[in-house]
Amino acid sequence: MKVTVTITLKPGVLDPQGRAIEHSLLSLGYQDAKEVSTGKLITLDIDEDDENRARQKVAKMCETLLVNTVIEDYDIHCLVADEGDEA
């Protein structure tokens, strides 16, 4: 099963990279760019057919290694392929 983990900074945590990107976009004339924030997207394949068990395994990976839970939040999304798909 293909799983994606979206990692973002918790509200209130300083995001200097996001601020730099926002400043650059504004200086290039993109005045509509507001409150830019950065994050990470991790994709992986899990040898698991059950979505709940896959989520549990990935959550443990996040808590153990992938995410700094002091300053980051994460969201797990499982892509469940339809029967016959070769995704």
N, C-alpha and C. Protein backbone atom coordinates (compact mmCIF):
# COMPACT_ATOMS: atom_id res chain seq x y z
N MET A 1 0.85 -1.17 0.00
CA MET A 1 0.00 0.00 0.00
C MET A 1 0.89 1.23 0.00
N LYS A 2 0.57 2.18 -0.85
CA LYS A 2 1.32 3.43 -0.91
C LYS A 2 0.78 4.38 0.15
N VAL A 3 1.70 4.98 0.89
CA VAL A 3 1.33 5.89 1.97
C VAL A 3 2.11 7.18 1.81
N THR A 4 1.43 8.30 2.05
CA THR A 4 2.13 9.59 2.09
C THR A 4 1.98 10.18 3.49
N VAL A 5 3.05 10.81 3.93
CA VAL A 5 3.05 11.51 5.21
C VAL A 5 3.36 12.98 4.91
N THR A 6 2.45 13.86 5.30
CA THR A 6 2.65 15.29 5.15
C THR A 6 3.05 15.84 6.51
N ILE A 7 4.21 16.47 6.56
CA ILE A 7 4.74 17.00 7.81
C ILE A 7 4.76 18.52 7.73
N THR A 8 4.15 19.16 8.72
CA THR A 8 4.10 20.62 8.77
C THR A 8 4.53 21.09 10.15
N LEU A 9 4.96 22.34 10.20
CA LEU A 9 5.31 22.92 11.49
C LEU A 9 4.03 23.20 12.28
N LYS A 10 4.10 23.02 13.59
CA LYS A 10 2.96 23.32 14.44
C LYS A 10 2.70 24.82 14.43
N PRO A 11 1.45 25.22 14.66
CA PRO A 11 1.14 26.65 14.72
C PRO A 11 2.02 27.34 15.77
N GLY A 12 2.53 28.49 15.41
CA GLY A 12 3.35 29.26 16.34
C GLY A 12 4.84 28.99 16.23
N VAL A 13 5.23 27.94 15.50
CA VAL A 13 6.65 27.63 15.32
C VAL A 13 7.18 28.48 14.17
N LEU A 14 8.28 29.17 14.41
CA LEU A 14 8.89 30.04 13.41
C LEU A 14 9.29 29.23 12.18
N ASP A 15 8.94 29.75 11.00
CA ASP A 15 9.26 29.09 9.72
C ASP A 15 10.07 30.06 8.86
N PRO A 16 11.39 30.17 9.11
CA PRO A 16 12.20 31.13 8.36
C PRO A 16 12.24 30.83 6.86
N GLN A 17 12.21 29.58 6.48
CA GLN A 17 12.21 29.24 5.06
C GLN A 17 10.91 29.70 4.40
N GLY A 18 9.80 29.50 5.06
CA GLY A 18 8.52 29.97 4.53
C GLY A 18 8.49 31.48 4.40
N ARG A 19 9.03 32.17 5.39
CA ARG A 19 9.07 33.64 5.34
C ARG A 19 9.96 34.12 4.20
N ALA A 20 11.10 33.44 3.99
CA ALA A 20 12.00 33.83 2.89
C ALA A 20 11.32 33.62 1.54
N ILE A 21 10.61 32.52 1.39
CA ILE A 21 9.90 32.25 0.14
C ILE A 21 8.82 33.31 -0.07
N GLU A 22 8.06 33.61 0.98
CA GLU A 22 7.01 34.63 0.87
C GLU A 22 7.61 35.97 0.47
N HIS A 23 8.71 36.36 1.10
CA HIS A 23 9.37 37.63 0.77
C HIS A 23 9.81 37.64 -0.70
N SER A 24 10.40 36.55 -1.16
CA SER A 24 10.85 36.47 -2.55
C SER A 24 9.68 36.55 -3.53
N LEU A 25 8.60 35.85 -3.22
CA LEU A 25 7.42 35.91 -4.08
C LEU A 25 6.86 37.32 -4.16
N LEU A 26 6.80 37.99 -3.02
CA LEU A 26 6.30 39.37 -3.00
C LEU A 26 7.21 40.29 -3.81
N SER A 27 8.53 40.09 -3.69
CA SER A 27 9.46 40.94 -4.43
C SER A 27 9.40 40.68 -5.94
N LEU A 28 8.91 39.51 -6.32
CA LEU A 28 8.75 39.18 -7.74
C LEU A 28 7.38 39.61 -8.27
N GLY A 29 6.60 40.25 -7.42
CA GLY A 29 5.31 40.76 -7.87
C GLY A 29 4.12 39.88 -7.57
N TYR A 30 4.33 38.80 -6.89
CA TYR A 30 3.21 37.91 -6.53
C TYR A 30 2.61 38.40 -5.21
N GLN A 31 1.83 39.47 -5.30
CA GLN A 31 1.29 40.13 -4.11
C GLN A 31 0.22 39.29 -3.40
N ASP A 32 -0.32 38.30 -4.07
CA ASP A 32 -1.36 37.47 -3.45
C ASP A 32 -0.79 36.37 -2.55
N ALA A 33 0.52 36.18 -2.55
CA ALA A 33 1.14 35.13 -1.73
C ALA A 33 1.18 35.60 -0.28
N LYS A 34 0.46 34.93 0.58
CA LYS A 34 0.38 35.29 2.00
C LYS A 34 0.59 34.06 2.86
N GLU A 35 1.21 34.24 3.99
CA GLU A 35 1.38 33.19 5.00
C GLU A 35 1.93 31.90 4.40
N VAL A 36 3.04 32.00 3.69
CA VAL A 36 3.69 30.84 3.08
C VAL A 36 4.33 30.00 4.19
N SER A 37 4.14 28.71 4.12
CA SER A 37 4.78 27.80 5.06
C SER A 37 5.38 26.63 4.30
N THR A 38 6.38 26.05 4.88
CA THR A 38 7.05 24.91 4.25
C THR A 38 6.79 23.65 5.07
N GLY A 39 7.05 22.53 4.45
CA GLY A 39 6.88 21.25 5.12
C GLY A 39 7.61 20.17 4.34
N LYS A 40 7.28 18.94 4.67
CA LYS A 40 7.89 17.79 3.99
C LYS A 40 6.79 16.83 3.57
N LEU A 41 7.04 16.14 2.47
CA LEU A 41 6.15 15.08 2.01
C LEU A 41 6.99 13.82 1.85
N ILE A 42 6.62 12.79 2.56
CA ILE A 42 7.33 11.51 2.50
C ILE A 42 6.37 10.48 1.91
N THR A 43 6.82 9.75 0.90
CA THR A 43 6.01 8.67 0.33
C THR A 43 6.73 7.35 0.55
N LEU A 44 5.97 6.33 0.84
CA LEU A 44 6.57 5.01 1.01
C LEU A 44 5.54 3.94 0.70
N ASP A 45 6.04 2.76 0.39
CA ASP A 45 5.20 1.59 0.18
C ASP A 45 5.31 0.72 1.42
N ILE A 46 4.16 0.32 1.94
CA ILE A 46 4.10 -0.53 3.12
C ILE A 46 3.57 -1.89 2.69
N ASP A 47 4.23 -2.93 3.13
CA ASP A 47 3.78 -4.29 2.83
C ASP A 47 2.63 -4.65 3.76
N GLU A 48 1.48 -4.04 3.48
CA GLU A 48 0.31 -4.22 4.33
C GLU A 48 -0.94 -3.97 3.49
N ASP A 49 -1.93 -4.84 3.62
CA ASP A 49 -3.17 -4.69 2.87
C ASP A 49 -4.26 -3.98 3.68
N ASP A 50 -4.16 -4.04 5.00
CA ASP A 50 -5.15 -3.42 5.87
C ASP A 50 -4.78 -1.96 6.13
N GLU A 51 -5.68 -1.04 5.79
CA GLU A 51 -5.38 0.39 5.91
C GLU A 51 -5.11 0.80 7.36
N ASN A 52 -5.89 0.28 8.30
CA ASN A 52 -5.68 0.65 9.70
C ASN A 52 -4.33 0.20 10.21
N ARG A 53 -3.93 -1.02 9.86
CA ARG A 53 -2.61 -1.50 10.29
C ARG A 53 -1.50 -0.71 9.62
N ALA A 54 -1.70 -0.36 8.34
CA ALA A 54 -0.70 0.46 7.64
C ALA A 54 -0.55 1.80 8.33
N ARG A 55 -1.66 2.43 8.69
CA ARG A 55 -1.62 3.72 9.39
C ARG A 55 -0.89 3.59 10.73
N GLN A 56 -1.17 2.52 11.45
CA GLN A 56 -0.51 2.30 12.74
C GLN A 56 1.00 2.15 12.58
N LYS A 57 1.41 1.38 11.58
CA LYS A 57 2.84 1.19 11.33
C LYS A 57 3.52 2.50 10.98
N VAL A 58 2.89 3.28 10.09
CA VAL A 58 3.48 4.54 9.65
C VAL A 58 3.47 5.55 10.80
N ALA A 59 2.43 5.56 11.61
CA ALA A 59 2.38 6.46 12.76
C ALA A 59 3.54 6.16 13.71
N LYS A 60 3.84 4.89 13.90
CA LYS A 60 4.97 4.52 14.77
C LYS A 60 6.28 5.00 14.15
N MET A 61 6.42 4.88 12.82
CA MET A 61 7.61 5.39 12.13
C MET A 61 7.74 6.90 12.33
N CYS A 62 6.60 7.59 12.23
CA CYS A 62 6.61 9.05 12.40
C CYS A 62 7.04 9.42 13.81
N GLU A 63 6.45 8.77 14.80
CA GLU A 63 6.75 9.08 16.19
C GLU A 63 8.19 8.71 16.56
N THR A 64 8.73 7.68 15.91
CA THR A 64 10.06 7.21 16.23
C THR A 64 11.16 7.96 15.51
N LEU A 65 10.94 8.29 14.21
CA LEU A 65 12.04 8.82 13.41
C LEU A 65 11.66 9.99 12.51
N LEU A 66 10.57 9.89 11.80
CA LEU A 66 10.30 10.81 10.70
C LEU A 66 9.89 12.22 11.12
N VAL A 67 9.29 12.36 12.29
CA VAL A 67 8.71 13.64 12.70
C VAL A 67 9.30 14.08 14.04
N ASN A 68 9.63 15.36 14.13
CA ASN A 68 10.00 15.95 15.41
C ASN A 68 8.69 16.42 16.04
N THR A 69 8.10 15.59 16.87
CA THR A 69 6.76 15.85 17.38
C THR A 69 6.69 17.06 18.32
N VAL A 70 7.82 17.59 18.72
CA VAL A 70 7.83 18.79 19.55
C VAL A 70 7.40 20.00 18.73
N ILE A 71 7.85 20.06 17.47
CA ILE A 71 7.58 21.24 16.64
C ILE A 71 6.81 20.92 15.36
N GLU A 72 6.57 19.65 15.07
CA GLU A 72 5.92 19.27 13.81
C GLU A 72 4.66 18.44 14.04
N ASP A 73 3.70 18.62 13.14
CA ASP A 73 2.51 17.78 13.06
C ASP A 73 2.62 16.93 11.80
N TYR A 74 1.87 15.84 11.75
CA TYR A 74 1.88 15.01 10.54
C TYR A 74 0.50 14.48 10.24
N ASP A 75 0.30 14.19 8.95
CA ASP A 75 -0.95 13.63 8.47
C ASP A 75 -0.61 12.45 7.57
N ILE A 76 -1.25 11.33 7.82
CA ILE A 76 -1.00 10.11 7.05
C ILE A 76 -2.15 9.90 6.07
N HIS A 77 -1.79 9.64 4.81
CA HIS A 77 -2.80 9.37 3.79
C HIS A 77 -2.44 8.06 3.10
N CYS A 78 -3.36 7.10 3.13
CA CYS A 78 -3.15 5.81 2.47
C CYS A 78 -3.86 5.82 1.13
N LEU A 79 -3.14 5.41 0.10
CA LEU A 79 -3.72 5.29 -1.22
C LEU A 79 -4.10 3.83 -1.42
N VAL A 80 -5.40 3.59 -1.38
CA VAL A 80 -5.90 2.23 -1.55
C VAL A 80 -6.21 2.04 -3.02
N ALA A 81 -5.46 1.16 -3.68
CA ALA A 81 -5.66 0.91 -5.11
C ALA A 81 -6.91 0.07 -5.33
N ASP A 82 -7.63 0.38 -6.40
CA ASP A 82 -8.79 -0.43 -6.78
C ASP A 82 -8.31 -1.78 -7.27
N GLU A 83 -9.18 -2.76 -7.16
CA GLU A 83 -8.86 -4.09 -7.68
C GLU A 83 -8.49 -3.99 -9.15
N GLY A 84 -7.40 -4.61 -9.53
CA GLY A 84 -6.97 -4.59 -10.93
C GLY A 84 -5.99 -3.48 -11.24
N ASP A 85 -5.90 -2.47 -10.36
CA ASP A 85 -4.92 -1.40 -10.58
C ASP A 85 -3.53 -1.92 -10.26
N GLU A 86 -2.56 -1.37 -10.96
CA GLU A 86 -1.17 -1.76 -10.71
C GLU A 86 -0.41 -0.58 -10.13
N ALA A 87 -1.00 0.16 -9.21
CA ALA A 87 -0.38 1.34 -8.62
C ALA A 87 0.68 1.00 -7.63
